[in-house]
Structures are given as C-alpha cells and as structure tokens.
Amino acid sequence: MKFLPPLILLLLMISGCGYAPASHYAKMVVGKSVSTEVVIRAEDPQNTVIIKDAVDMAVITKFRTALVSKGSAETHLKFQISSVLFTPLRYDSNGYVITYRTTVLMSIERTSVTDQGNYSVSGVYDFNIEPNAIISDQARFDAIRFASQKGVDAFSAQVASQGTKSLKE
C-alpha cells in the first residue's frame, strides 16, 4: 500500500513526458501489416528454415504487427543470411571448448508503398557445452534461433530510430 503513491507518480511522469515504446516508432515505419521472406541458402537450407521461424516470431513480438501475405502487406521484409558462424569463446583447463558464440549476419531489404531501405544486422548468442563434447543439433538450432531473434532486435532498433526521425521532420 505504501508503494502505491510512488508508483502512481512514476506512471504520471512517464505518461507526461511523451514516452512511447520503440515498437510504436517502428510501427510508424513498417505499418500495420508485414510479410517476410528469407532467402534460402543453398549451402545451408536447414538453418534457413530455423531462421525463418525465428524472424517471423520476432517480427510479431517486436513490431506488434500482423504477418500477412506479400500481396496484402504494407511492408515486405526480405532477409538474406550472409553467414552463420560458431566461434569458440572459452576453454576449460584441458583445452576443450566449453563456450561457443553463434553469430548470424543478415541483410534486410524493407520495401513499402512509400519508401524502402536496406539494413545490415547481426545477432549474437553465447552458449555452453560439456567439455570434449560436440554441439548437439538441438543446441545448434536453439543458438541460431536466438541469434536470429537478436538480429531482428537490432533491425527493430534501427527502424524505431527512423520512426523517431520521421516524427521530428
């Protein structure tokens, strides 16, 4: 009960200063409906499917918009995966790798009725494995999915930045 007045004061301050979440500004750029496409890499088609699912989920959660078909979307996002890298980060006392970093590099082409843009982003995810073990398929898939989602987070931040700039103009 004694926390209620400070909470109300905090909410009034935030609402009074014109705060809006980044998704609000990003939505100003991408619109209310988005379609996505992930270009399949011939050398790694299995990872592309994982990345497509991660991208779709991230678009829904970060932009708070509807995924629709390309023909009815206000904005189309085309994701091209440049590379998926697994880099050893940490070793145990015997020299075995125990931590890897997954990096997903991608380029994104945003096309809408009013404008378009090109972006380069990367997503990084670190994970541990047992000493002297190989990376399991499940750990690899999870790492790629999380790194892809972080790449979309970076893209979302870039688009939100554009939304705030267009608001000032």
C-alpha atoms as a PDB file:
ATOM      1  CA  MET A   1       0.000   0.000   0.000  1.00  0.00           C
ATOM      2  CA  LYS A   2       2.858   2.404   0.748  1.00  0.00           C
ATOM      3  CA  PHE A   3       4.270   1.732  -2.753  1.00  0.00           C
ATOM      4  CA  LEU A   4       1.098   2.912  -4.484  1.00  0.00           C
ATOM      5  CA  PRO A   5       1.737   6.712  -4.362  1.00  0.00           C
ATOM      6  CA  PRO A   6       5.285   6.460  -5.786  1.00  0.00           C
ATOM      7  CA  LEU A   7       4.025   4.097  -8.484  1.00  0.00           C
ATOM      8  CA  ILE A   8       1.256   6.493  -9.473  1.00  0.00           C
ATOM      9  CA  LEU A   9       3.747   9.362  -9.520  1.00  0.00           C
ATOM     10  CA  LEU A  10       6.111   7.359 -11.739  1.00  0.00           C
ATOM     11  CA  LEU A  11       3.325   6.488 -14.179  1.00  0.00           C
ATOM     12  CA  LEU A  12       2.235  10.123 -14.365  1.00  0.00           C
ATOM     13  CA  MET A  13       5.792  11.234 -15.057  1.00  0.00           C
ATOM     14  CA  ILE A  14       6.286   8.664 -17.820  1.00  0.00           C
ATOM     15  CA  SER A  15       2.978   9.442 -19.481  1.00  0.00           C
ATOM     16  CA  GLY A  16       3.535  13.186 -19.116  1.00  0.00           C
ATOM     17  CA  CYS A  17       6.883  13.170 -20.903  1.00  0.00           C
ATOM     18  CA  GLY A  18       5.511  11.599 -24.086  1.00  0.00           C
ATOM     19  CA  TYR A  19       7.147   8.206 -23.636  1.00  0.00           C
ATOM     20  CA  ALA A  20       6.276   5.654 -26.285  1.00  0.00           C
ATOM     21  CA  PRO A  21       7.820   2.194 -26.667  1.00  0.00           C
ATOM     22  CA  ALA A  22      10.200   1.519 -29.556  1.00  0.00           C
ATOM     23  CA  SER A  23       7.578  -0.708 -31.184  1.00  0.00           C
ATOM     24  CA  HIS A  24       5.355   2.368 -31.558  1.00  0.00           C
ATOM     25  CA  TYR A  25       8.017   4.188 -33.614  1.00  0.00           C
ATOM     26  CA  ALA A  26       8.940   1.053 -35.571  1.00  0.00           C
ATOM     27  CA  LYS A  27       5.294   0.517 -36.469  1.00  0.00           C
ATOM     28  CA  MET A  28       5.231   4.038 -37.931  1.00  0.00           C
ATOM     29  CA  VAL A  29       7.833   2.862 -40.471  1.00  0.00           C
ATOM     30  CA  VAL A  30       6.627  -0.687 -41.212  1.00  0.00           C
ATOM     31  CA  GLY A  31       2.872  -0.182 -40.891  1.00  0.00           C
ATOM     32  CA  LYS A  32       0.195  -2.479 -39.534  1.00  0.00           C
ATOM     33  CA  SER A  33       0.901  -5.496 -41.708  1.00  0.00           C
ATOM     34  CA  VAL A  34       4.184  -7.106 -42.697  1.00  0.00           C
ATOM     35  CA  SER A  35       5.216 -10.007 -44.895  1.00  0.00           C
ATOM     36  CA  THR A  36       8.556 -11.746 -44.551  1.00  0.00           C
ATOM     37  CA  GLU A  37      10.766 -13.728 -46.856  1.00  0.00           C
ATOM     38  CA  VAL A  38      14.024 -15.468 -46.013  1.00  0.00           C
ATOM     39  CA  VAL A  39      16.226 -16.280 -48.982  1.00  0.00           C
ATOM     40  CA  ILE A  40      17.260 -19.925 -48.757  1.00  0.00           C
ATOM     41  CA  ARG A  41      20.992 -20.509 -48.707  1.00  0.00           C
ATOM     42  CA  ALA A  42      21.841 -23.458 -50.953  1.00  0.00           C
ATOM     43  CA  GLU A  43      24.741 -24.469 -48.721  1.00  0.00           C
ATOM     44  CA  ASP A  44      22.650 -24.418 -45.539  1.00  0.00           C
ATOM     45  CA  PRO A  45      18.897 -24.892 -46.164  1.00  0.00           C
ATOM     46  CA  GLN A  46      18.205 -26.408 -42.728  1.00  0.00           C
ATOM     47  CA  ASN A  47      19.352 -23.270 -40.892  1.00  0.00           C
ATOM     48  CA  THR A  48      17.253 -21.106 -43.195  1.00  0.00           C
ATOM     49  CA  VAL A  49      14.057 -22.791 -42.005  1.00  0.00           C
ATOM     50  CA  ILE A  50      15.039 -22.182 -38.367  1.00  0.00           C
ATOM     51  CA  ILE A  51      15.850 -18.556 -39.156  1.00  0.00           C
ATOM     52  CA  LYS A  52      12.520 -18.060 -40.983  1.00  0.00           C
ATOM     53  CA  ASP A  53      10.588 -19.198 -37.895  1.00  0.00           C
ATOM     54  CA  ALA A  54      12.716 -17.012 -35.610  1.00  0.00           C
ATOM     55  CA  VAL A  55      12.286 -13.991 -37.894  1.00  0.00           C
ATOM     56  CA  ASP A  56       8.507 -14.390 -38.038  1.00  0.00           C
ATOM     57  CA  MET A  57       8.233 -14.675 -34.260  1.00  0.00           C
ATOM     58  CA  ALA A  58      10.491 -11.671 -33.714  1.00  0.00           C
ATOM     59  CA  VAL A  59       8.553  -9.540 -36.222  1.00  0.00           C
ATOM     60  CA  ILE A  60       5.282 -10.308 -34.440  1.00  0.00           C
ATOM     61  CA  THR A  61       6.676  -9.552 -30.986  1.00  0.00           C
ATOM     62  CA  LYS A  62       8.953  -6.601 -31.793  1.00  0.00           C
ATOM     63  CA  PHE A  63       6.794  -4.699 -34.274  1.00  0.00           C
ATOM     64  CA  ARG A  64       3.472  -5.817 -32.784  1.00  0.00           C
ATOM     65  CA  THR A  65       2.064  -6.182 -36.238  1.00  0.00           C
ATOM     66  CA  ALA A  66       0.283  -8.826 -38.265  1.00  0.00           C
ATOM     67  CA  LEU A  67       2.086 -11.219 -40.592  1.00  0.00           C
ATOM     68  CA  VAL A  68       0.223 -11.393 -43.883  1.00  0.00           C
ATOM     69  CA  SER A  69       0.858 -12.491 -47.446  1.00  0.00           C
ATOM     70  CA  LYS A  70       3.129 -10.360 -49.600  1.00  0.00           C
ATOM     71  CA  GLY A  71       0.254  -9.086 -51.749  1.00  0.00           C
ATOM     72  CA  SER A  72      -1.704  -7.627 -48.843  1.00  0.00           C
ATOM     73  CA  ALA A  73       1.192  -6.332 -46.703  1.00  0.00           C
ATOM     74  CA  GLU A  74       2.029  -2.673 -46.185  1.00  0.00           C
ATOM     75  CA  THR A  75       5.696  -3.637 -45.852  1.00  0.00           C
ATOM     76  CA  HIS A  76       7.690  -6.573 -47.170  1.00  0.00           C
ATOM     77  CA  LEU A  77      10.882  -7.631 -45.374  1.00  0.00           C
ATOM     78  CA  LYS A  78      13.363  -9.750 -47.315  1.00  0.00           C
ATOM     79  CA  PHE A  79      16.040 -11.367 -45.142  1.00  0.00           C
ATOM     80  CA  GLN A  80      19.242 -12.629 -46.736  1.00  0.00           C
ATOM     81  CA  ILE A  81      21.504 -14.664 -44.456  1.00  0.00           C
ATOM     82  CA  SER A  82      25.127 -13.741 -45.086  1.00  0.00           C
ATOM     83  CA  SER A  83      26.637 -16.236 -42.674  1.00  0.00           C
ATOM     84  CA  VAL A  84      26.121 -18.339 -39.568  1.00  0.00           C
ATOM     85  CA  LEU A  85      29.296 -18.619 -37.504  1.00  0.00           C
ATOM     86  CA  PHE A  86      30.178 -20.693 -34.443  1.00  0.00           C
ATOM     87  CA  THR A  87      33.243 -19.327 -32.642  1.00  0.00           C
ATOM     88  CA  PRO A  88      34.880 -20.887 -29.573  1.00  0.00           C
ATOM     89  CA  LEU A  89      34.898 -18.395 -26.702  1.00  0.00           C
ATOM     90  CA  ARG A  90      36.080 -20.220 -23.616  1.00  0.00           C
ATOM     91  CA  TYR A  91      38.141 -23.313 -22.901  1.00  0.00           C
ATOM     92  CA  ASP A  92      38.455 -25.480 -19.809  1.00  0.00           C
ATOM     93  CA  SER A  93      41.795 -26.303 -18.114  1.00  0.00           C
ATOM     94  CA  ASN A  94      42.342 -29.245 -20.520  1.00  0.00           C
ATOM     95  CA  GLY A  95      41.893 -27.087 -23.608  1.00  0.00           C
ATOM     96  CA  TYR A  96      38.385 -28.246 -24.530  1.00  0.00           C
ATOM     97  CA  VAL A  97      35.889 -25.695 -25.770  1.00  0.00           C
ATOM     98  CA  ILE A  98      33.121 -25.104 -23.219  1.00  0.00           C
ATOM     99  CA  THR A  99      31.513 -21.907 -24.587  1.00  0.00           C
ATOM    100  CA  TYR A 100      30.639 -21.008 -28.144  1.00  0.00           C
ATOM    101  CA  ARG A 101      29.349 -17.805 -29.694  1.00  0.00           C
ATOM    102  CA  THR A 102      26.874 -18.035 -32.533  1.00  0.00           C
ATOM    103  CA  THR A 103      26.771 -15.048 -34.882  1.00  0.00           C
ATOM    104  CA  VAL A 104      24.128 -14.684 -37.570  1.00  0.00           C
ATOM    105  CA  LEU A 105      24.857 -11.959 -40.115  1.00  0.00           C
ATOM    106  CA  MET A 106      21.981 -10.883 -42.321  1.00  0.00           C
ATOM    107  CA  SER A 107      20.947  -8.150 -44.692  1.00  0.00           C
ATOM    108  CA  ILE A 108      17.366  -6.949 -44.730  1.00  0.00           C
ATOM    109  CA  GLU A 109      15.575  -5.224 -47.563  1.00  0.00           C
ATOM    110  CA  ARG A 110      12.478  -3.293 -46.448  1.00  0.00           C
ATOM    111  CA  THR A 111      10.011  -2.383 -49.183  1.00  0.00           C
ATOM    112  CA  SER A 112       6.775  -0.476 -48.659  1.00  0.00           C
ATOM    113  CA  VAL A 113       4.474   1.623 -50.797  1.00  0.00           C
ATOM    114  CA  THR A 114       6.053   4.892 -49.677  1.00  0.00           C
ATOM    115  CA  ASP A 115       9.756   4.023 -49.311  1.00  0.00           C
ATOM    116  CA  GLN A 116      12.381   1.350 -48.942  1.00  0.00           C
ATOM    117  CA  GLY A 117      15.555   0.702 -47.003  1.00  0.00           C
ATOM    118  CA  ASN A 118      18.463  -1.693 -46.726  1.00  0.00           C
ATOM    119  CA  TYR A 119      19.947  -2.794 -43.416  1.00  0.00           C
ATOM    120  CA  SER A 120      22.825  -4.979 -42.261  1.00  0.00           C
ATOM    121  CA  VAL A 121      22.467  -6.529 -38.832  1.00  0.00           C
ATOM    122  CA  SER A 122      23.990  -9.241 -36.737  1.00  0.00           C
ATOM    123  CA  GLY A 123      22.707 -11.279 -33.862  1.00  0.00           C
ATOM    124  CA  VAL A 124      24.928 -12.948 -31.290  1.00  0.00           C
ATOM    125  CA  TYR A 125      24.158 -15.715 -28.814  1.00  0.00           C
ATOM    126  CA  ASP A 126      26.594 -17.431 -26.417  1.00  0.00           C
ATOM    127  CA  PHE A 127      26.029 -20.946 -25.084  1.00  0.00           C
ATOM    128  CA  ASN A 128      27.882 -23.569 -23.069  1.00  0.00           C
ATOM    129  CA  ILE A 129      28.589 -27.208 -23.897  1.00  0.00           C
ATOM    130  CA  GLU A 130      30.155 -30.015 -21.907  1.00  0.00           C
ATOM    131  CA  PRO A 131      33.941 -30.337 -22.217  1.00  0.00           C
ATOM    132  CA  ASN A 132      35.065 -32.658 -25.040  1.00  0.00           C
ATOM    133  CA  ALA A 133      31.539 -32.754 -26.485  1.00  0.00           C
ATOM    134  CA  ILE A 134      30.224 -31.819 -29.883  1.00  0.00           C
ATOM    135  CA  ILE A 135      27.465 -29.276 -30.384  1.00  0.00           C
ATOM    136  CA  SER A 136      24.178 -31.170 -30.496  1.00  0.00           C
ATOM    137  CA  ASP A 137      21.677 -30.405 -33.248  1.00  0.00           C
ATOM    138  CA  GLN A 138      19.225 -29.033 -30.682  1.00  0.00           C
ATOM    139  CA  ALA A 139      21.843 -26.686 -29.169  1.00  0.00           C
ATOM    140  CA  ARG A 140      22.852 -25.534 -32.651  1.00  0.00           C
ATOM    141  CA  PHE A 141      19.233 -24.900 -33.691  1.00  0.00           C
ATOM    142  CA  ASP A 142      18.491 -23.008 -30.475  1.00  0.00           C
ATOM    143  CA  ALA A 143      21.639 -20.906 -30.817  1.00  0.00           C
ATOM    144  CA  ILE A 144      20.793 -19.986 -34.419  1.00  0.00           C
ATOM    145  CA  ARG A 145      17.204 -19.161 -33.461  1.00  0.00           C
ATOM    146  CA  PHE A 146      18.226 -16.912 -30.547  1.00  0.00           C
ATOM    147  CA  ALA A 147      20.961 -15.176 -32.568  1.00  0.00           C
ATOM    148  CA  SER A 148      18.473 -14.552 -35.405  1.00  0.00           C
ATOM    149  CA  GLN A 149      15.967 -13.054 -32.987  1.00  0.00           C
ATOM    150  CA  LYS A 150      18.679 -10.747 -31.636  1.00  0.00           C
ATOM    151  CA  GLY A 151      19.444  -9.710 -35.213  1.00  0.00           C
ATOM    152  CA  VAL A 152      15.794  -8.767 -35.683  1.00  0.00           C
ATOM    153  CA  ASP A 153      16.012  -6.851 -32.386  1.00  0.00           C
ATOM    154  CA  ALA A 154      18.862  -4.818 -33.879  1.00  0.00           C
ATOM    155  CA  PHE A 155      16.821  -4.239 -37.039  1.00  0.00           C
ATOM    156  CA  SER A 156      13.848  -3.177 -34.909  1.00  0.00           C
ATOM    157  CA  ALA A 157      16.030  -0.614 -33.138  1.00  0.00           C
ATOM    158  CA  GLN A 158      17.219   0.803 -36.463  1.00  0.00           C
ATOM    159  CA  VAL A 159      13.646   1.060 -37.758  1.00  0.00           C
ATOM    160  CA  ALA A 160      12.440   2.630 -34.493  1.00  0.00           C
ATOM    161  CA  SER A 161      15.198   5.203 -34.841  1.00  0.00           C
ATOM    162  CA  GLN A 162      13.933   6.012 -38.324  1.00  0.00           C
ATOM    163  CA  GLY A 163      10.417   6.354 -36.906  1.00  0.00           C
ATOM    164  CA  THR A 164      11.534   8.931 -34.355  1.00  0.00           C
ATOM    165  CA  LYS A 165      13.422  10.876 -37.035  1.00  0.00           C
ATOM    166  CA  SER A 166      10.383  10.959 -39.338  1.00  0.00           C
ATOM    167  CA  LEU A 167       8.305  12.160 -36.421  1.00  0.00           C
ATOM    168  CA  LYS A 168      10.620  15.154 -35.930  1.00  0.00           C
ATOM    169  CA  GLU A 169      10.537  16.114 -39.617  1.00  0.00           C
END
